[in-house]
Amino acid sequence: MKVVAAGKFKAKFLALIDEIARDREPVIITKYGKPVVKVVPVEKSEKQNQKPLKGTVLFLGDVVSPIDEQWEAEV
């Protein structure tokens, strides 16, 4: 498991999280030589690949055309 000092982690944060995601290996972050945080990649699941809102929208009609009614703001 890779060990990185907090200062180096801060300076190279974006590159390190890309590396963690790519290699699927956790990284231990140390402060003053002592481990304080473990950064782990997110576990992939089949639900993450699905479209969570698919089928939840209900289409009731034309929402773009004028409604041929005068609004109170237009009076």
PDB file of N, CA and C in Angstrom:
ATOM      1  N   MET A   1       0.850  -1.173   0.000  1.00  0.00           N
ATOM      2  CA  MET A   1       0.000   0.000   0.000  1.00  0.00           C
ATOM      3  C   MET A   1       0.895   1.236   0.000  1.00  0.00           C
ATOM      4  N   LYS A   2       0.550   2.204  -0.821  1.00  0.00           N
ATOM      5  CA  LYS A   2       1.327   3.428  -0.948  1.00  0.00           C
ATOM      6  C   LYS A   2       1.086   4.339   0.259  1.00  0.00           C
ATOM      7  N   VAL A   3       2.158   4.981   0.728  1.00  0.00           N
ATOM      8  CA  VAL A   3       2.087   5.925   1.842  1.00  0.00           C
ATOM      9  C   VAL A   3       2.578   7.280   1.348  1.00  0.00           C
ATOM     10  N   VAL A   4       1.789   8.340   1.616  1.00  0.00           N
ATOM     11  CA  VAL A   4       2.120   9.684   1.135  1.00  0.00           C
ATOM     12  C   VAL A   4       1.982  10.663   2.285  1.00  0.00           C
ATOM     13  N   ALA A   5       2.936  11.578   2.397  1.00  0.00           N
ATOM     14  CA  ALA A   5       2.858  12.629   3.414  1.00  0.00           C
ATOM     15  C   ALA A   5       1.742  13.601   3.046  1.00  0.00           C
ATOM     16  N   ALA A   6       1.103  14.186   4.056  1.00  0.00           N
ATOM     17  CA  ALA A   6      -0.025  15.087   3.835  1.00  0.00           C
ATOM     18  C   ALA A   6       0.346  16.264   2.938  1.00  0.00           C
ATOM     19  N   GLY A   7       1.501  16.815   3.106  1.00  0.00           N
ATOM     20  CA  GLY A   7       1.937  17.945   2.276  1.00  0.00           C
ATOM     21  C   GLY A   7       2.044  17.558   0.810  1.00  0.00           C
ATOM     22  N   LYS A   8       2.607  16.382   0.543  1.00  0.00           N
ATOM     23  CA  LYS A   8       2.718  15.908  -0.838  1.00  0.00           C
ATOM     24  C   LYS A   8       1.325  15.601  -1.401  1.00  0.00           C
ATOM     25  N   PHE A   9       0.461  15.016  -0.565  1.00  0.00           N
ATOM     26  CA  PHE A   9      -0.901  14.717  -0.999  1.00  0.00           C
ATOM     27  C   PHE A   9      -1.629  16.005  -1.383  1.00  0.00           C
ATOM     28  N   LYS A  10      -1.460  17.047  -0.570  1.00  0.00           N
ATOM     29  CA  LYS A  10      -2.107  18.323  -0.848  1.00  0.00           C
ATOM     30  C   LYS A  10      -1.603  18.907  -2.163  1.00  0.00           C
ATOM     31  N   ALA A  11      -0.304  18.838  -2.383  1.00  0.00           N
ATOM     32  CA  ALA A  11       0.287  19.413  -3.587  1.00  0.00           C
ATOM     33  C   ALA A  11      -0.086  18.637  -4.848  1.00  0.00           C
ATOM     34  N   LYS A  12      -0.281  17.329  -4.733  1.00  0.00           N
ATOM     35  CA  LYS A  12      -0.530  16.484  -5.906  1.00  0.00           C
ATOM     36  C   LYS A  12      -1.887  15.779  -5.835  1.00  0.00           C
ATOM     37  N   PHE A  13      -2.846  16.423  -5.170  1.00  0.00           N
ATOM     38  CA  PHE A  13      -4.147  15.826  -4.906  1.00  0.00           C
ATOM     39  C   PHE A  13      -4.817  15.238  -6.151  1.00  0.00           C
ATOM     40  N   LEU A  14      -4.995  16.045  -7.192  1.00  0.00           N
ATOM     41  CA  LEU A  14      -5.729  15.580  -8.376  1.00  0.00           C
ATOM     42  C   LEU A  14      -5.037  14.401  -9.049  1.00  0.00           C
ATOM     43  N   ALA A  15      -3.726  14.456  -9.165  1.00  0.00           N
ATOM     44  CA  ALA A  15      -2.988  13.352  -9.786  1.00  0.00           C
ATOM     45  C   ALA A  15      -3.093  12.086  -8.930  1.00  0.00           C
ATOM     46  N   LEU A  16      -3.031  12.236  -7.613  1.00  0.00           N
ATOM     47  CA  LEU A  16      -3.102  11.073  -6.734  1.00  0.00           C
ATOM     48  C   LEU A  16      -4.483  10.428  -6.736  1.00  0.00           C
ATOM     49  N   ILE A  17      -5.554  11.223  -6.778  1.00  0.00           N
ATOM     50  CA  ILE A  17      -6.871  10.587  -6.802  1.00  0.00           C
ATOM     51  C   ILE A  17      -7.116   9.895  -8.141  1.00  0.00           C
ATOM     52  N   ASP A  18      -6.564  10.444  -9.224  1.00  0.00           N
ATOM     53  CA  ASP A  18      -6.649   9.749 -10.516  1.00  0.00           C
ATOM     54  C   ASP A  18      -5.904   8.417 -10.450  1.00  0.00           C
ATOM     55  N   GLU A  19      -4.756   8.422  -9.810  1.00  0.00           N
ATOM     56  CA  GLU A  19      -3.959   7.198  -9.660  1.00  0.00           C
ATOM     57  C   GLU A  19      -4.688   6.161  -8.799  1.00  0.00           C
ATOM     58  N   ILE A  20      -5.308   6.603  -7.728  1.00  0.00           N
ATOM     59  CA  ILE A  20      -6.059   5.695  -6.851  1.00  0.00           C
ATOM     60  C   ILE A  20      -7.222   5.066  -7.610  1.00  0.00           C
ATOM     61  N   ALA A  21      -7.928   5.871  -8.377  1.00  0.00           N
ATOM     62  CA  ALA A  21      -9.057   5.364  -9.163  1.00  0.00           C
ATOM     63  C   ALA A  21      -8.580   4.392 -10.242  1.00  0.00           C
ATOM     64  N   ARG A  22      -7.483   4.712 -10.890  1.00  0.00           N
ATOM     65  CA  ARG A  22      -6.964   3.875 -11.976  1.00  0.00           C
ATOM     66  C   ARG A  22      -6.422   2.546 -11.458  1.00  0.00           C
ATOM     67  N   ASP A  23      -5.568   2.606 -10.429  1.00  0.00           N
ATOM     68  CA  ASP A  23      -4.895   1.402  -9.921  1.00  0.00           C
ATOM     69  C   ASP A  23      -5.748   0.601  -8.949  1.00  0.00           C
ATOM     70  N   ARG A  24      -6.858   1.226  -8.436  1.00  0.00           N
ATOM     71  CA  ARG A  24      -7.747   0.564  -7.480  1.00  0.00           C
ATOM     72  C   ARG A  24      -7.001   0.168  -6.200  1.00  0.00           C
ATOM     73  N   GLU A  25      -5.968   0.945  -5.829  1.00  0.00           N
ATOM     74  CA  GLU A  25      -5.176   0.680  -4.631  1.00  0.00           C
ATOM     75  C   GLU A  25      -5.341   1.829  -3.634  1.00  0.00           C
ATOM     76  N   PRO A  26      -5.617   1.526  -2.367  1.00  0.00           N
ATOM     77  CA  PRO A  26      -5.729   2.585  -1.359  1.00  0.00           C
ATOM     78  C   PRO A  26      -4.386   3.254  -1.082  1.00  0.00           C
ATOM     79  N   VAL A  27      -4.449   4.469  -0.549  1.00  0.00           N
ATOM     80  CA  VAL A  27      -3.250   5.225  -0.186  1.00  0.00           C
ATOM     81  C   VAL A  27      -3.421   5.710   1.252  1.00  0.00           C
ATOM     82  N   ILE A  28      -2.372   5.552   2.053  1.00  0.00           N
ATOM     83  CA  ILE A  28      -2.362   6.039   3.437  1.00  0.00           C
ATOM     84  C   ILE A  28      -1.730   7.429   3.437  1.00  0.00           C
ATOM     85  N   ILE A  29      -2.406   8.391   4.071  1.00  0.00           N
ATOM     86  CA  ILE A  29      -1.880   9.750   4.189  1.00  0.00           C
ATOM     87  C   ILE A  29      -1.336   9.911   5.609  1.00  0.00           C
ATOM     88  N   THR A  30      -0.105  10.407   5.697  1.00  0.00           N
ATOM     89  CA  THR A  30       0.524  10.572   7.008  1.00  0.00           C
ATOM     90  C   THR A  30       0.706  12.047   7.338  1.00  0.00           C
ATOM     91  N   LYS A  31       0.735  12.319   8.635  1.00  0.00           N
ATOM     92  CA  LYS A  31       1.018  13.661   9.133  1.00  0.00           C
ATOM     93  C   LYS A  31       2.059  13.497  10.232  1.00  0.00           C
ATOM     94  N   TYR A  32       3.192  14.139  10.043  1.00  0.00           N
ATOM     95  CA  TYR A  32       4.321  13.993  10.962  1.00  0.00           C
ATOM     96  C   TYR A  32       4.730  12.532  11.118  1.00  0.00           C
ATOM     97  N   GLY A  33       4.639  11.772  10.015  1.00  0.00           N
ATOM     98  CA  GLY A  33       5.072  10.388  10.009  1.00  0.00           C
ATOM     99  C   GLY A  33       4.061   9.386  10.547  1.00  0.00           C
ATOM    100  N   LYS A  34       2.918   9.855  11.028  1.00  0.00           N
ATOM    101  CA  LYS A  34       1.906   8.955  11.574  1.00  0.00           C
ATOM    102  C   LYS A  34       0.715   8.867  10.618  1.00  0.00           C
ATOM    103  N   PRO A  35       0.215   7.663  10.355  1.00  0.00           N
ATOM    104  CA  PRO A  35      -0.937   7.525   9.465  1.00  0.00           C
ATOM    105  C   PRO A  35      -2.182   8.165  10.075  1.00  0.00           C
ATOM    106  N   VAL A  36      -2.883   8.975   9.261  1.00  0.00           N
ATOM    107  CA  VAL A  36      -4.085   9.637   9.748  1.00  0.00           C
ATOM    108  C   VAL A  36      -5.316   9.350   8.881  1.00  0.00           C
ATOM    109  N   VAL A  37      -5.110   9.091   7.597  1.00  0.00           N
ATOM    110  CA  VAL A  37      -6.231   8.900   6.687  1.00  0.00           C
ATOM    111  C   VAL A  37      -5.877   7.833   5.663  1.00  0.00           C
ATOM    112  N   LYS A  38      -6.897   7.069   5.297  1.00  0.00           N
ATOM    113  CA  LYS A  38      -6.746   6.084   4.227  1.00  0.00           C
ATOM    114  C   LYS A  38      -7.715   6.474   3.115  1.00  0.00           C
ATOM    115  N   VAL A  39      -7.195   6.703   1.924  1.00  0.00           N
ATOM    116  CA  VAL A  39      -8.029   7.061   0.774  1.00  0.00           C
ATOM    117  C   VAL A  39      -8.191   5.797  -0.068  1.00  0.00           C
ATOM    118  N   VAL A  40      -9.449   5.405  -0.260  1.00  0.00           N
ATOM    119  CA  VAL A  40      -9.733   4.168  -1.004  1.00  0.00           C
ATOM    120  C   VAL A  40     -10.610   4.477  -2.212  1.00  0.00           C
ATOM    121  N   PRO A  41     -10.485   3.693  -3.271  1.00  0.00           N
ATOM    122  CA  PRO A  41     -11.351   3.916  -4.435  1.00  0.00           C
ATOM    123  C   PRO A  41     -12.779   3.474  -4.127  1.00  0.00           C
ATOM    124  N   VAL A  42     -13.732   4.095  -4.776  1.00  0.00           N
ATOM    125  CA  VAL A  42     -15.136   3.739  -4.617  1.00  0.00           C
ATOM    126  C   VAL A  42     -15.376   2.393  -5.278  1.00  0.00           C
ATOM    127  N   GLU A  43     -16.137   1.548  -4.584  1.00  0.00           N
ATOM    128  CA  GLU A  43     -16.460   0.246  -5.157  1.00  0.00           C
ATOM    129  C   GLU A  43     -17.473   0.433  -6.268  1.00  0.00           C
ATOM    130  N   LYS A  44     -17.220  -0.200  -7.384  1.00  0.00           N
ATOM    131  CA  LYS A  44     -18.149  -0.110  -8.503  1.00  0.00           C
ATOM    132  C   LYS A  44     -19.265  -1.122  -8.297  1.00  0.00           C
ATOM    133  N   SER A  45     -20.487  -0.687  -8.589  1.00  0.00           N
ATOM    134  CA  SER A  45     -21.612  -1.597  -8.490  1.00  0.00           C
ATOM    135  C   SER A  45     -22.422  -1.508  -9.774  1.00  0.00           C
ATOM    136  N   GLU A  46     -23.259  -2.480  -9.994  1.00  0.00           N
ATOM    137  CA  GLU A  46     -24.080  -2.484 -11.196  1.00  0.00           C
ATOM    138  C   GLU A  46     -25.061  -1.316 -11.194  1.00  0.00           C
ATOM    139  N   LYS A  47     -25.526  -0.889 -10.021  1.00  0.00           N
ATOM    140  CA  LYS A  47     -26.483   0.214  -9.935  1.00  0.00           C
ATOM    141  C   LYS A  47     -25.873   1.535 -10.378  1.00  0.00           C
ATOM    142  N   GLN A  48     -24.559   1.715 -10.220  1.00  0.00           N
ATOM    143  CA  GLN A  48     -23.914   2.956 -10.639  1.00  0.00           C
ATOM    144  C   GLN A  48     -23.990   3.143 -12.145  1.00  0.00           C
ATOM    145  N   ASN A  49     -24.065   2.057 -12.887  1.00  0.00           N
ATOM    146  CA  ASN A  49     -24.102   2.146 -14.339  1.00  0.00           C
ATOM    147  C   ASN A  49     -25.511   2.384 -14.863  1.00  0.00           C
ATOM    148  N   GLN A  50     -26.529   2.217 -14.037  1.00  0.00           N
ATOM    149  CA  GLN A  50     -27.903   2.412 -14.463  1.00  0.00           C
ATOM    150  C   GLN A  50     -28.262   3.891 -14.428  1.00  0.00           C
ATOM    151  N   LYS A  51     -29.307   4.221 -15.115  1.00  0.00           N
ATOM    152  CA  LYS A  51     -29.790   5.601 -15.108  1.00  0.00           C
ATOM    153  C   LYS A  51     -30.807   5.728 -13.978  1.00  0.00           C
ATOM    154  N   PRO A  52     -30.443   6.407 -12.870  1.00  0.00           N
ATOM    155  CA  PRO A  52     -31.309   6.418 -11.683  1.00  0.00           C
ATOM    156  C   PRO A  52     -32.653   7.120 -11.876  1.00  0.00           C
ATOM    157  N   LEU A  53     -32.765   8.052 -12.809  1.00  0.00           N
ATOM    158  CA  LEU A  53     -34.020   8.772 -12.996  1.00  0.00           C
ATOM    159  C   LEU A  53     -34.837   8.251 -14.180  1.00  0.00           C
ATOM    160  N   LYS A  54     -34.333   7.232 -14.844  1.00  0.00           N
ATOM    161  CA  LYS A  54     -35.039   6.695 -15.999  1.00  0.00           C
ATOM    162  C   LYS A  54     -36.425   6.203 -15.582  1.00  0.00           C
ATOM    163  N   GLY A  55     -37.452   6.653 -16.315  1.00  0.00           N
ATOM    164  CA  GLY A  55     -38.819   6.237 -16.040  1.00  0.00           C
ATOM    165  C   GLY A  55     -39.519   7.033 -14.962  1.00  0.00           C
ATOM    166  N   THR A  56     -38.884   8.085 -14.445  1.00  0.00           N
ATOM    167  CA  THR A  56     -39.502   8.846 -13.357  1.00  0.00           C
ATOM    168  C   THR A  56     -40.179  10.123 -13.845  1.00  0.00           C
ATOM    169  N   VAL A  57     -40.016  10.467 -15.121  1.00  0.00           N
ATOM    170  CA  VAL A  57     -40.616  11.684 -15.662  1.00  0.00           C
ATOM    171  C   VAL A  57     -41.910  11.325 -16.380  1.00  0.00           C
ATOM    172  N   LEU A  58     -42.950  12.084 -16.103  1.00  0.00           N
ATOM    173  CA  LEU A  58     -44.251  11.851 -16.712  1.00  0.00           C
ATOM    174  C   LEU A  58     -44.533  12.976 -17.698  1.00  0.00           C
ATOM    175  N   PHE A  59     -44.736  12.646 -18.964  1.00  0.00           N
ATOM    176  CA  PHE A  59     -45.013  13.625 -20.011  1.00  0.00           C
ATOM    177  C   PHE A  59     -46.516  13.800 -20.121  1.00  0.00           C
ATOM    178  N   LEU A  60     -47.004  15.018 -19.873  1.00  0.00           N
ATOM    179  CA  LEU A  60     -48.441  15.269 -19.883  1.00  0.00           C
ATOM    180  C   LEU A  60     -48.928  16.015 -21.115  1.00  0.00           C
ATOM    181  N   GLY A  61     -48.059  16.517 -21.939  1.00  0.00           N
ATOM    182  CA  GLY A  61     -48.494  17.236 -23.130  1.00  0.00           C
ATOM    183  C   GLY A  61     -47.451  18.219 -23.593  1.00  0.00           C
ATOM    184  N   ASP A  62     -47.881  19.124 -24.447  1.00  0.00           N
ATOM    185  CA  ASP A  62     -46.992  20.122 -25.034  1.00  0.00           C
ATOM    186  C   ASP A  62     -46.672  21.201 -24.008  1.00  0.00           C
ATOM    187  N   VAL A  63     -45.417  21.332 -23.653  1.00  0.00           N
ATOM    188  CA  VAL A  63     -45.007  22.323 -22.656  1.00  0.00           C
ATOM    189  C   VAL A  63     -44.336  23.536 -23.302  1.00  0.00           C
ATOM    190  N   VAL A  64     -44.305  23.576 -24.642  1.00  0.00           N
ATOM    191  CA  VAL A  64     -43.608  24.647 -25.341  1.00  0.00           C
ATOM    192  C   VAL A  64     -44.578  25.631 -25.991  1.00  0.00           C
ATOM    193  N   SER A  65     -45.666  25.151 -26.540  1.00  0.00           N
ATOM    194  CA  SER A  65     -46.604  26.007 -27.271  1.00  0.00           C
ATOM    195  C   SER A  65     -47.365  26.941 -26.338  1.00  0.00           C
ATOM    196  N   PRO A  66     -47.834  28.095 -26.869  1.00  0.00           N
ATOM    197  CA  PRO A  66     -48.647  29.016 -26.060  1.00  0.00           C
ATOM    198  C   PRO A  66     -49.933  28.342 -25.582  1.00  0.00           C
ATOM    199  N   ILE A  67     -50.454  28.801 -24.442  1.00  0.00           N
ATOM    200  CA  ILE A  67     -51.652  28.169 -23.884  1.00  0.00           C
ATOM    201  C   ILE A  67     -52.935  28.919 -24.222  1.00  0.00           C
ATOM    202  N   ASP A  68     -52.834  30.011 -24.970  1.00  0.00           N
ATOM    203  CA  ASP A  68     -53.984  30.799 -25.409  1.00  0.00           C
ATOM    204  C   ASP A  68     -54.846  31.302 -24.247  1.00  0.00           C
ATOM    205  N   GLU A  69     -54.213  31.591 -23.134  1.00  0.00           N
ATOM    206  CA  GLU A  69     -54.901  32.180 -21.985  1.00  0.00           C
ATOM    207  C   GLU A  69     -54.103  33.394 -21.540  1.00  0.00           C
ATOM    208  N   GLN A  70     -54.815  34.423 -21.135  1.00  0.00           N
ATOM    209  CA  GLN A  70     -54.147  35.619 -20.682  1.00  0.00           C
ATOM    210  C   GLN A  70     -53.731  35.449 -19.209  1.00  0.00           C
ATOM    211  N   TRP A  71     -52.497  35.792 -18.898  1.00  0.00           N
ATOM    212  CA  TRP A  71     -52.000  35.698 -17.532  1.00  0.00           C
ATOM    213  C   TRP A  71     -52.335  36.975 -16.782  1.00  0.00           C
ATOM    214  N   GLU A  72     -52.385  36.890 -15.475  1.00  0.00           N
ATOM    215  CA  GLU A  72     -52.639  38.065 -14.658  1.00  0.00           C
ATOM    216  C   GLU A  72     -51.556  39.112 -14.866  1.00  0.00           C
ATOM    217  N   ALA A  73     -50.360  38.720 -15.116  1.00  0.00           N
ATOM    218  CA  ALA A  73     -49.234  39.656 -15.285  1.00  0.00           C
ATOM    219  C   ALA A  73     -49.396  40.459 -16.564  1.00  0.00           C
ATOM    220  N   GLU A  74     -50.140  39.943 -17.531  1.00  0.00           N
ATOM    221  CA  GLU A  74     -50.317  40.629 -18.801  1.00  0.00           C
ATOM    222  C   GLU A  74     -51.489  41.603 -18.781  1.00  0.00           C
ATOM    223  N   VAL A  75     -52.283  41.608 -17.750  1.00  0.00           N
ATOM    224  CA  VAL A  75     -53.482  42.451 -17.681  1.00  0.00           C
ATOM    225  C   VAL A  75     -53.115  43.860 -17.340  1.00  0.00           C
TER     226      VAL A  75
END
